[in-house]
């Protein structure tokens, strides 16, 4: 009976094992695509947060059971519409 033993060469600071792990993870295309998309998303958030022009205006709108609600930030002032609106366009008129 023959057994095979796989060796993982740790090397200095574990770099060989980390290289092996990264190669195994990035070998699978769907996982590689998902990881890179996630990294790009976090980078876009960092870019937006570091730009004063992008951070001066922000808006979010969502639909609940009773209607549309939303909030906006404009020049450091925060506006929240807690009264449900019938349509998205009605909410946009109020928030803008």
PDB file of N, CA and C in Angstrom:
ATOM      1  N   UNK A   1       0.842  -1.175   0.000  1.00  0.00           N
ATOM      2  CA  UNK A   1       0.000   0.000   0.000  1.00  0.00           C
ATOM      3  C   UNK A   1       0.888   1.241   0.000  1.00  0.00           C
ATOM      4  N   UNK A   2       0.617   2.119  -0.937  1.00  0.00           N
ATOM      5  CA  UNK A   2       1.402   3.334  -1.064  1.00  0.00           C
ATOM      6  C   UNK A   2       0.527   4.531  -0.703  1.00  0.00           C
ATOM      7  N   UNK A   3       1.061   5.400   0.105  1.00  0.00           N
ATOM      8  CA  UNK A   3       0.336   6.626   0.442  1.00  0.00           C
ATOM      9  C   UNK A   3       1.094   7.808  -0.125  1.00  0.00           C
ATOM     10  N   UNK A   4       0.347   8.777  -0.550  1.00  0.00           N
ATOM     11  CA  UNK A   4       0.973   9.990  -1.048  1.00  0.00           C
ATOM     12  C   UNK A   4       0.803  11.085  -0.007  1.00  0.00           C
ATOM     13  N   UNK A   5       1.862  11.794   0.156  1.00  0.00           N
ATOM     14  CA  UNK A   5       1.849  12.874   1.136  1.00  0.00           C
ATOM     15  C   UNK A   5       2.100  14.176   0.384  1.00  0.00           C
ATOM     16  N   UNK A   6       1.242  15.141   0.623  1.00  0.00           N
ATOM     17  CA  UNK A   6       1.399  16.438  -0.012  1.00  0.00           C
ATOM     18  C   UNK A   6       2.094  17.370   0.974  1.00  0.00           C
ATOM     19  N   UNK A   7       3.134  17.997   0.525  1.00  0.00           N
ATOM     20  CA  UNK A   7       3.872  18.906   1.389  1.00  0.00           C
ATOM     21  C   UNK A   7       3.531  20.345   1.051  1.00  0.00           C
ATOM     22  N   UNK A   8       3.376  21.134   2.080  1.00  0.00           N
ATOM     23  CA  UNK A   8       3.154  22.559   1.924  1.00  0.00           C
ATOM     24  C   UNK A   8       4.368  23.256   2.495  1.00  0.00           C
ATOM     25  N   UNK A   9       5.133  23.863   1.624  1.00  0.00           N
ATOM     26  CA  UNK A   9       6.326  24.552   2.062  1.00  0.00           C
ATOM     27  C   UNK A   9       5.934  25.928   2.568  1.00  0.00           C
ATOM     28  N   UNK A  10       6.092  26.126   3.838  1.00  0.00           N
ATOM     29  CA  UNK A  10       5.701  27.387   4.450  1.00  0.00           C
ATOM     30  C   UNK A  10       6.604  28.510   3.980  1.00  0.00           C
ATOM     31  N   UNK A  11       7.876  28.328   3.973  1.00  0.00           N
ATOM     32  CA  UNK A  11       8.790  29.379   3.549  1.00  0.00           C
ATOM     33  C   UNK A  11       8.824  30.515   4.555  1.00  0.00           C
ATOM     34  N   UNK A  12       9.412  31.602   4.159  1.00  0.00           N
ATOM     35  CA  UNK A  12       9.508  32.751   5.042  1.00  0.00           C
ATOM     36  C   UNK A  12       8.151  33.433   5.164  1.00  0.00           C
ATOM     37  N   UNK A  13       7.676  33.592   6.368  1.00  0.00           N
ATOM     38  CA  UNK A  13       6.390  34.239   6.677  1.00  0.00           C
ATOM     39  C   UNK A  13       5.199  33.537   6.012  1.00  0.00           C
ATOM     40  N   UNK A  14       5.318  32.289   5.692  1.00  0.00           N
ATOM     41  CA  UNK A  14       4.193  31.545   5.119  1.00  0.00           C
ATOM     42  C   UNK A  14       3.838  31.941   3.706  1.00  0.00           C
ATOM     43  N   UNK A  15       4.740  32.548   2.964  1.00  0.00           N
ATOM     44  CA  UNK A  15       4.399  33.057   1.635  1.00  0.00           C
ATOM     45  C   UNK A  15       4.083  31.952   0.646  1.00  0.00           C
ATOM     46  N   UNK A  16       4.747  30.820   0.728  1.00  0.00           N
ATOM     47  CA  UNK A  16       4.462  29.745  -0.224  1.00  0.00           C
ATOM     48  C   UNK A  16       3.069  29.184  -0.010  1.00  0.00           C
ATOM     49  N   UNK A  17       2.671  29.015   1.243  1.00  0.00           N
ATOM     50  CA  UNK A  17       1.341  28.496   1.507  1.00  0.00           C
ATOM     51  C   UNK A  17       0.276  29.502   1.077  1.00  0.00           C
ATOM     52  N   UNK A  18       0.541  30.777   1.297  1.00  0.00           N
ATOM     53  CA  UNK A  18      -0.411  31.805   0.876  1.00  0.00           C
ATOM     54  C   UNK A  18      -0.510  31.842  -0.640  1.00  0.00           C
ATOM     55  N   UNK A  19       0.628  31.740  -1.334  1.00  0.00           N
ATOM     56  CA  UNK A  19       0.598  31.694  -2.800  1.00  0.00           C
ATOM     57  C   UNK A  19      -0.201  30.503  -3.293  1.00  0.00           C
ATOM     58  N   UNK A  20      -0.031  29.356  -2.661  1.00  0.00           N
ATOM     59  CA  UNK A  20      -0.766  28.159  -3.056  1.00  0.00           C
ATOM     60  C   UNK A  20      -2.263  28.373  -2.858  1.00  0.00           C
ATOM     61  N   UNK A  21      -2.640  28.956  -1.719  1.00  0.00           N
ATOM     62  CA  UNK A  21      -4.050  29.187  -1.416  1.00  0.00           C
ATOM     63  C   UNK A  21      -4.669  30.181  -2.391  1.00  0.00           C
ATOM     64  N   UNK A  22      -3.968  31.256  -2.679  1.00  0.00           N
ATOM     65  CA  UNK A  22      -4.471  32.257  -3.623  1.00  0.00           C
ATOM     66  C   UNK A  22      -4.639  31.647  -5.007  1.00  0.00           C
ATOM     67  N   UNK A  23      -3.683  30.850  -5.440  1.00  0.00           N
ATOM     68  CA  UNK A  23      -3.801  30.194  -6.751  1.00  0.00           C
ATOM     69  C   UNK A  23      -4.995  29.258  -6.796  1.00  0.00           C
ATOM     70  N   UNK A  24      -5.243  28.526  -5.721  1.00  0.00           N
ATOM     71  CA  UNK A  24      -6.408  27.619  -5.686  1.00  0.00           C
ATOM     72  C   UNK A  24      -7.716  28.393  -5.714  1.00  0.00           C
ATOM     73  N   UNK A  25      -7.785  29.500  -4.964  1.00  0.00           N
ATOM     74  CA  UNK A  25      -9.022  30.290  -4.918  1.00  0.00           C
ATOM     75  C   UNK A  25      -9.286  30.950  -6.274  1.00  0.00           C
ATOM     76  N   UNK A  26      -8.251  31.556  -6.868  1.00  0.00           N
ATOM     77  CA  UNK A  26      -8.450  32.289  -8.112  1.00  0.00           C
ATOM     78  C   UNK A  26      -8.484  31.385  -9.338  1.00  0.00           C
ATOM     79  N   UNK A  27      -8.263  30.101  -9.158  1.00  0.00           N
ATOM     80  CA  UNK A  27      -8.355  29.168 -10.277  1.00  0.00           C
ATOM     81  C   UNK A  27      -9.795  29.008 -10.730  1.00  0.00           C
ATOM     82  N   UNK A  28     -10.736  29.055  -9.800  1.00  0.00           N
ATOM     83  CA  UNK A  28     -12.153  28.878 -10.114  1.00  0.00           C
ATOM     84  C   UNK A  28     -12.724  30.212 -10.586  1.00  0.00           C
ATOM     85  N   UNK A  29     -13.105  30.294 -11.852  1.00  0.00           N
ATOM     86  CA  UNK A  29     -13.505  31.553 -12.479  1.00  0.00           C
ATOM     87  C   UNK A  29     -14.686  32.247 -11.791  1.00  0.00           C
ATOM     88  N   UNK A  30     -15.783  31.564 -11.443  1.00  0.00           N
ATOM     89  CA  UNK A  30     -16.890  32.289 -10.792  1.00  0.00           C
ATOM     90  C   UNK A  30     -16.482  32.912  -9.453  1.00  0.00           C
ATOM     91  N   UNK A  31     -15.669  32.214  -8.681  1.00  0.00           N
ATOM     92  CA  UNK A  31     -15.227  32.758  -7.402  1.00  0.00           C
ATOM     93  C   UNK A  31     -14.282  33.934  -7.621  1.00  0.00           C
ATOM     94  N   UNK A  32     -13.382  33.812  -8.588  1.00  0.00           N
ATOM     95  CA  UNK A  32     -12.460  34.909  -8.893  1.00  0.00           C
ATOM     96  C   UNK A  32     -13.228  36.144  -9.329  1.00  0.00           C
ATOM     97  N   UNK A  33     -14.229  35.976 -10.188  1.00  0.00           N
ATOM     98  CA  UNK A  33     -15.037  37.095 -10.666  1.00  0.00           C
ATOM     99  C   UNK A  33     -15.783  37.760  -9.511  1.00  0.00           C
ATOM    100  N   UNK A  34     -16.353  36.957  -8.624  1.00  0.00           N
ATOM    101  CA  UNK A  34     -17.094  37.501  -7.488  1.00  0.00           C
ATOM    102  C   UNK A  34     -16.169  38.256  -6.529  1.00  0.00           C
ATOM    103  N   UNK A  35     -14.993  37.714  -6.268  1.00  0.00           N
ATOM    104  CA  UNK A  35     -14.049  38.375  -5.364  1.00  0.00           C
ATOM    105  C   UNK A  35     -13.566  39.708  -5.936  1.00  0.00           C
ATOM    106  N   UNK A  36     -13.259  39.736  -7.213  1.00  0.00           N
ATOM    107  CA  UNK A  36     -12.795  40.978  -7.829  1.00  0.00           C
ATOM    108  C   UNK A  36     -13.910  42.020  -7.908  1.00  0.00           C
ATOM    109  N   UNK A  37     -15.144  41.577  -8.146  1.00  0.00           N
ATOM    110  CA  UNK A  37     -16.271  42.512  -8.157  1.00  0.00           C
ATOM    111  C   UNK A  37     -16.485  43.109  -6.771  1.00  0.00           C
ATOM    112  N   UNK A  38     -16.360  42.289  -5.740  1.00  0.00           N
ATOM    113  CA  UNK A  38     -16.501  42.774  -4.361  1.00  0.00           C
ATOM    114  C   UNK A  38     -15.404  43.789  -4.026  1.00  0.00           C
ATOM    115  N   UNK A  39     -14.185  43.493  -4.426  1.00  0.00           N
ATOM    116  CA  UNK A  39     -13.076  44.417  -4.173  1.00  0.00           C
ATOM    117  C   UNK A  39     -13.294  45.736  -4.914  1.00  0.00           C
ATOM    118  N   UNK A  40     -13.789  45.669  -6.148  1.00  0.00           N
ATOM    119  CA  UNK A  40     -14.050  46.881  -6.914  1.00  0.00           C
ATOM    120  C   UNK A  40     -15.156  47.711  -6.267  1.00  0.00           C
ATOM    121  N   UNK A  41     -16.183  47.041  -5.718  1.00  0.00           N
ATOM    122  CA  UNK A  41     -17.270  47.737  -5.049  1.00  0.00           C
ATOM    123  C   UNK A  41     -16.753  48.500  -3.825  1.00  0.00           C
ATOM    124  N   UNK A  42     -15.924  47.836  -3.007  1.00  0.00           N
ATOM    125  CA  UNK A  42     -15.354  48.509  -1.841  1.00  0.00           C
ATOM    126  C   UNK A  42     -14.443  49.666  -2.253  1.00  0.00           C
ATOM    127  N   UNK A  43     -13.695  49.509  -3.332  1.00  0.00           N
ATOM    128  CA  UNK A  43     -12.853  50.602  -3.829  1.00  0.00           C
ATOM    129  C   UNK A  43     -13.691  51.784  -4.302  1.00  0.00           C
ATOM    130  N   UNK A  44     -14.848  51.514  -4.923  1.00  0.00           N
ATOM    131  CA  UNK A  44     -15.701  52.612  -5.380  1.00  0.00           C
ATOM    132  C   UNK A  44     -16.288  53.373  -4.195  1.00  0.00           C
ATOM    133  N   UNK A  45     -16.612  52.665  -3.110  1.00  0.00           N
ATOM    134  CA  UNK A  45     -17.097  53.344  -1.904  1.00  0.00           C
ATOM    135  C   UNK A  45     -16.002  54.237  -1.331  1.00  0.00           C
ATOM    136  N   UNK A  46     -14.778  53.727  -1.288  1.00  0.00           N
ATOM    137  CA  UNK A  46     -13.653  54.517  -0.769  1.00  0.00           C
ATOM    138  C   UNK A  46     -13.418  55.753  -1.625  1.00  0.00           C
ATOM    139  N   UNK A  47     -13.485  55.592  -2.950  1.00  0.00           N
ATOM    140  CA  UNK A  47     -13.306  56.749  -3.843  1.00  0.00           C
ATOM    141  C   UNK A  47     -14.401  57.782  -3.622  1.00  0.00           C
ATOM    142  N   UNK A  48     -15.648  57.335  -3.488  1.00  0.00           N
ATOM    143  CA  UNK A  48     -16.765  58.255  -3.280  1.00  0.00           C
ATOM    144  C   UNK A  48     -16.633  58.995  -1.960  1.00  0.00           C
ATOM    145  N   UNK A  49     -16.252  58.274  -0.910  1.00  0.00           N
ATOM    146  CA  UNK A  49     -16.154  58.902   0.406  1.00  0.00           C
ATOM    147  C   UNK A  49     -14.986  59.879   0.506  1.00  0.00           C
ATOM    148  N   UNK A  50     -13.974  59.720  -0.323  1.00  0.00           N
ATOM    149  CA  UNK A  50     -12.832  60.625  -0.266  1.00  0.00           C
ATOM    150  C   UNK A  50     -13.014  61.860  -1.150  1.00  0.00           C
ATOM    151  N   UNK A  51     -14.060  61.903  -1.963  1.00  0.00           N
ATOM    152  CA  UNK A  51     -14.312  63.040  -2.840  1.00  0.00           C
ATOM    153  C   UNK A  51     -15.375  63.953  -2.210  1.00  0.00           C
ATOM    154  N   UNK A  52     -15.024  65.186  -1.848  1.00  0.00           N
ATOM    155  CA  UNK A  52     -15.994  66.083  -1.196  1.00  0.00           C
ATOM    156  C   UNK A  52     -17.220  66.383  -2.062  1.00  0.00           C
ATOM    157  N   UNK A  53     -17.048  66.474  -3.385  1.00  0.00           N
ATOM    158  CA  UNK A  53     -18.199  66.730  -4.253  1.00  0.00           C
ATOM    159  C   UNK A  53     -19.184  65.580  -4.224  1.00  0.00           C
ATOM    160  N   UNK A  54     -18.688  64.349  -4.259  1.00  0.00           N
ATOM    161  CA  UNK A  54     -19.575  63.191  -4.223  1.00  0.00           C
ATOM    162  C   UNK A  54     -20.283  63.060  -2.883  1.00  0.00           C
ATOM    163  N   UNK A  55     -19.647  63.491  -1.814  1.00  0.00           N
ATOM    164  CA  UNK A  55     -20.238  63.342  -0.487  1.00  0.00           C
ATOM    165  C   UNK A  55     -21.180  64.497  -0.129  1.00  0.00           C
ATOM    166  N   UNK A  56     -21.266  65.531  -0.961  1.00  0.00           N
ATOM    167  CA  UNK A  56     -22.139  66.662  -0.636  1.00  0.00           C
ATOM    168  C   UNK A  56     -23.613  66.337  -0.876  1.00  0.00           C
ATOM    169  N   UNK A  57     -23.915  65.406  -1.778  1.00  0.00           N
ATOM    170  CA  UNK A  57     -25.296  65.037  -2.072  1.00  0.00           C
ATOM    171  C   UNK A  57     -25.423  63.523  -2.063  1.00  0.00           C
ATOM    172  N   UNK A  58     -26.400  63.027  -1.327  1.00  0.00           N
ATOM    173  CA  UNK A  58     -26.691  61.590  -1.316  1.00  0.00           C
ATOM    174  C   UNK A  58     -28.189  61.408  -1.168  1.00  0.00           C
ATOM    175  N   UNK A  59     -28.736  60.367  -1.785  1.00  0.00           N
ATOM    176  CA  UNK A  59     -30.167  60.116  -1.736  1.00  0.00           C
ATOM    177  C   UNK A  59     -30.419  58.618  -1.710  1.00  0.00           C
ATOM    178  N   UNK A  60     -31.444  58.224  -0.986  1.00  0.00           N
ATOM    179  CA  UNK A  60     -31.903  56.833  -1.002  1.00  0.00           C
ATOM    180  C   UNK A  60     -33.426  56.835  -0.998  1.00  0.00           C
ATOM    181  N   UNK A  61     -34.009  55.948  -1.798  1.00  0.00           N
ATOM    182  CA  UNK A  61     -35.465  55.832  -1.878  1.00  0.00           C
ATOM    183  C   UNK A  61     -35.826  54.356  -1.891  1.00  0.00           C
ATOM    184  N   UNK A  62     -36.914  54.010  -1.249  1.00  0.00           N
ATOM    185  CA  UNK A  62     -37.352  52.623  -1.223  1.00  0.00           C
ATOM    186  C   UNK A  62     -38.864  52.560  -1.103  1.00  0.00           C
ATOM    187  N   UNK A  63     -39.421  51.418  -1.489  1.00  0.00           N
ATOM    188  CA  UNK A  63     -40.867  51.213  -1.450  1.00  0.00           C
ATOM    189  C   UNK A  63     -41.212  50.263  -0.308  1.00  0.00           C
ATOM    190  N   UNK A  64     -42.126  50.698   0.545  1.00  0.00           N
ATOM    191  CA  UNK A  64     -42.654  49.838   1.596  1.00  0.00           C
ATOM    192  C   UNK A  64     -44.094  49.504   1.252  1.00  0.00           C
ATOM    193  N   UNK A  65     -44.771  48.765   2.108  1.00  0.00           N
ATOM    194  CA  UNK A  65     -46.148  48.336   1.816  1.00  0.00           C
ATOM    195  C   UNK A  65     -47.103  49.508   1.620  1.00  0.00           C
ATOM    196  N   UNK A  66     -46.892  50.600   2.354  1.00  0.00           N
ATOM    197  CA  UNK A  66     -47.822  51.718   2.288  1.00  0.00           C
ATOM    198  C   UNK A  66     -47.389  52.834   1.333  1.00  0.00           C
ATOM    199  N   UNK A  67     -46.225  52.730   0.729  1.00  0.00           N
ATOM    200  CA  UNK A  67     -45.790  53.740  -0.228  1.00  0.00           C
ATOM    201  C   UNK A  67     -44.280  53.932  -0.244  1.00  0.00           C
ATOM    202  N   UNK A  68     -43.868  54.959  -0.984  1.00  0.00           N
ATOM    203  CA  UNK A  68     -42.443  55.259  -1.164  1.00  0.00           C
ATOM    204  C   UNK A  68     -41.951  56.183  -0.066  1.00  0.00           C
ATOM    205  N   UNK A  69     -40.756  55.887   0.441  1.00  0.00           N
ATOM    206  CA  UNK A  69     -40.103  56.721   1.453  1.00  0.00           C
ATOM    207  C   UNK A  69     -38.675  56.983   0.985  1.00  0.00           C
ATOM    208  N   UNK A  70     -38.016  57.954   1.623  1.00  0.00           N
ATOM    209  CA  UNK A  70     -36.647  58.223   1.231  1.00  0.00           C
ATOM    210  C   UNK A  70     -35.982  59.255   2.119  1.00  0.00           C
ATOM    211  N   UNK A  71     -34.699  59.411   1.885  1.00  0.00           N
ATOM    212  CA  UNK A  71     -33.919  60.439   2.582  1.00  0.00           C
ATOM    213  C   UNK A  71     -32.918  61.020   1.619  1.00  0.00           C
ATOM    214  N   UNK A  72     -32.448  62.206   1.929  1.00  0.00           N
ATOM    215  CA  UNK A  72     -31.423  62.849   1.119  1.00  0.00           C
ATOM    216  C   UNK A  72     -30.539  63.716   2.017  1.00  0.00           C
ATOM    217  N   UNK A  73     -29.309  63.894   1.612  1.00  0.00           N
ATOM    218  CA  UNK A  73     -28.370  64.798   2.263  1.00  0.00           C
ATOM    219  C   UNK A  73     -27.934  65.795   1.209  1.00  0.00           C
ATOM    220  N   UNK A  74     -28.110  67.067   1.504  1.00  0.00           N
ATOM    221  CA  UNK A  74     -27.735  68.109   0.558  1.00  0.00           C
ATOM    222  C   UNK A  74     -27.034  69.217   1.326  1.00  0.00           C
ATOM    223  N   UNK A  75     -25.766  69.455   0.993  1.00  0.00           N
ATOM    224  CA  UNK A  75     -24.942  70.479   1.654  1.00  0.00           C
ATOM    225  C   UNK A  75     -24.950  70.337   3.165  1.00  0.00           C
ATOM    226  N   UNK A  76     -24.831  69.117   3.636  1.00  0.00           N
ATOM    227  CA  UNK A  76     -24.732  68.861   5.071  1.00  0.00           C
ATOM    228  C   UNK A  76     -26.064  68.829   5.798  1.00  0.00           C
ATOM    229  N   UNK A  77     -27.163  69.034   5.100  1.00  0.00           N
ATOM    230  CA  UNK A  77     -28.488  68.974   5.731  1.00  0.00           C
ATOM    231  C   UNK A  77     -29.150  67.651   5.368  1.00  0.00           C
ATOM    232  N   UNK A  78     -29.749  67.022   6.363  1.00  0.00           N
ATOM    233  CA  UNK A  78     -30.361  65.707   6.203  1.00  0.00           C
ATOM    234  C   UNK A  78     -31.870  65.876   6.165  1.00  0.00           C
ATOM    235  N   UNK A  79     -32.502  65.336   5.118  1.00  0.00           N
ATOM    236  CA  UNK A  79     -33.954  65.396   4.985  1.00  0.00           C
ATOM    237  C   UNK A  79     -34.498  63.966   4.901  1.00  0.00           C
ATOM    238  N   UNK A  80     -35.488  63.658   5.714  1.00  0.00           N
ATOM    239  CA  UNK A  80     -36.106  62.332   5.707  1.00  0.00           C
ATOM    240  C   UNK A  80     -37.595  62.495   5.493  1.00  0.00           C
ATOM    241  N   UNK A  81     -38.149  61.771   4.532  1.00  0.00           N
ATOM    242  CA  UNK A  81     -39.587  61.806   4.278  1.00  0.00           C
ATOM    243  C   UNK A  81     -40.209  60.560   4.883  1.00  0.00           C
ATOM    244  N   UNK A  82     -40.850  60.710   6.034  1.00  0.00           N
ATOM    245  CA  UNK A  82     -41.456  59.555   6.686  1.00  0.00           C
ATOM    246  C   UNK A  82     -42.935  59.400   6.344  1.00  0.00           C
ATOM    247  N   UNK A  83     -43.457  60.305   5.518  1.00  0.00           N
ATOM    248  CA  UNK A  83     -44.837  60.179   5.056  1.00  0.00           C
ATOM    249  C   UNK A  83     -44.804  59.431   3.730  1.00  0.00           C
ATOM    250  N   UNK A  84     -45.468  58.282   3.642  1.00  0.00           N
ATOM    251  CA  UNK A  84     -45.393  57.494   2.399  1.00  0.00           C
ATOM    252  C   UNK A  84     -46.036  58.226   1.215  1.00  0.00           C
ATOM    253  N   UNK A  85     -45.359  58.192   0.098  1.00  0.00           N
ATOM    254  CA  UNK A  85     -45.857  58.790  -1.136  1.00  0.00           C
ATOM    255  C   UNK A  85     -46.390  57.694  -2.049  1.00  0.00           C
ATOM    256  N   UNK A  86     -47.362  58.045  -2.902  1.00  0.00           N
ATOM    257  CA  UNK A  86     -47.997  57.055  -3.771  1.00  0.00           C
ATOM    258  C   UNK A  86     -47.083  56.571  -4.884  1.00  0.00           C
ATOM    259  N   UNK A  87     -46.195  57.449  -5.370  1.00  0.00           N
ATOM    260  CA  UNK A  87     -45.331  57.066  -6.483  1.00  0.00           C
ATOM    261  C   UNK A  87     -43.908  57.560  -6.238  1.00  0.00           C
ATOM    262  N   UNK A  88     -42.982  56.968  -6.960  1.00  0.00           N
ATOM    263  CA  UNK A  88     -41.584  57.362  -6.867  1.00  0.00           C
ATOM    264  C   UNK A  88     -41.389  58.797  -7.344  1.00  0.00           C
ATOM    265  N   UNK A  89     -42.101  59.204  -8.372  1.00  0.00           N
ATOM    266  CA  UNK A  89     -41.952  60.573  -8.878  1.00  0.00           C
ATOM    267  C   UNK A  89     -42.432  61.600  -7.857  1.00  0.00           C
ATOM    268  N   UNK A  90     -43.491  61.283  -7.103  1.00  0.00           N
ATOM    269  CA  UNK A  90     -43.944  62.191  -6.036  1.00  0.00           C
ATOM    270  C   UNK A  90     -42.865  62.350  -4.969  1.00  0.00           C
ATOM    271  N   UNK A  91     -42.231  61.267  -4.602  1.00  0.00           N
ATOM    272  CA  UNK A  91     -41.168  61.315  -3.604  1.00  0.00           C
ATOM    273  C   UNK A  91     -39.964  62.115  -4.114  1.00  0.00           C
ATOM    274  N   UNK A  92     -39.612  61.943  -5.387  1.00  0.00           N
ATOM    275  CA  UNK A  92     -38.486  62.682  -5.962  1.00  0.00           C
ATOM    276  C   UNK A  92     -38.738  64.181  -5.962  1.00  0.00           C
ATOM    277  N   UNK A  93     -39.979  64.588  -6.219  1.00  0.00           N
ATOM    278  CA  UNK A  93     -40.304  66.008  -6.189  1.00  0.00           C
ATOM    279  C   UNK A  93     -40.140  66.583  -4.791  1.00  0.00           C
ATOM    280  N   UNK A  94     -40.516  65.829  -3.779  1.00  0.00           N
ATOM    281  CA  UNK A  94     -40.425  66.309  -2.392  1.00  0.00           C
ATOM    282  C   UNK A  94     -38.982  66.384  -1.943  1.00  0.00           C
ATOM    283  N   UNK A  95     -38.190  65.356  -2.259  1.00  0.00           N
ATOM    284  CA  UNK A  95     -36.801  65.315  -1.791  1.00  0.00           C
ATOM    285  C   UNK A  95     -35.887  66.260  -2.553  1.00  0.00           C
ATOM    286  N   UNK A  96     -36.243  66.601  -3.771  1.00  0.00           N
ATOM    287  CA  UNK A  96     -35.396  67.508  -4.551  1.00  0.00           C
ATOM    288  C   UNK A  96     -35.953  68.860  -4.484  1.00  0.00           C
TER     289      UNK A  96
END
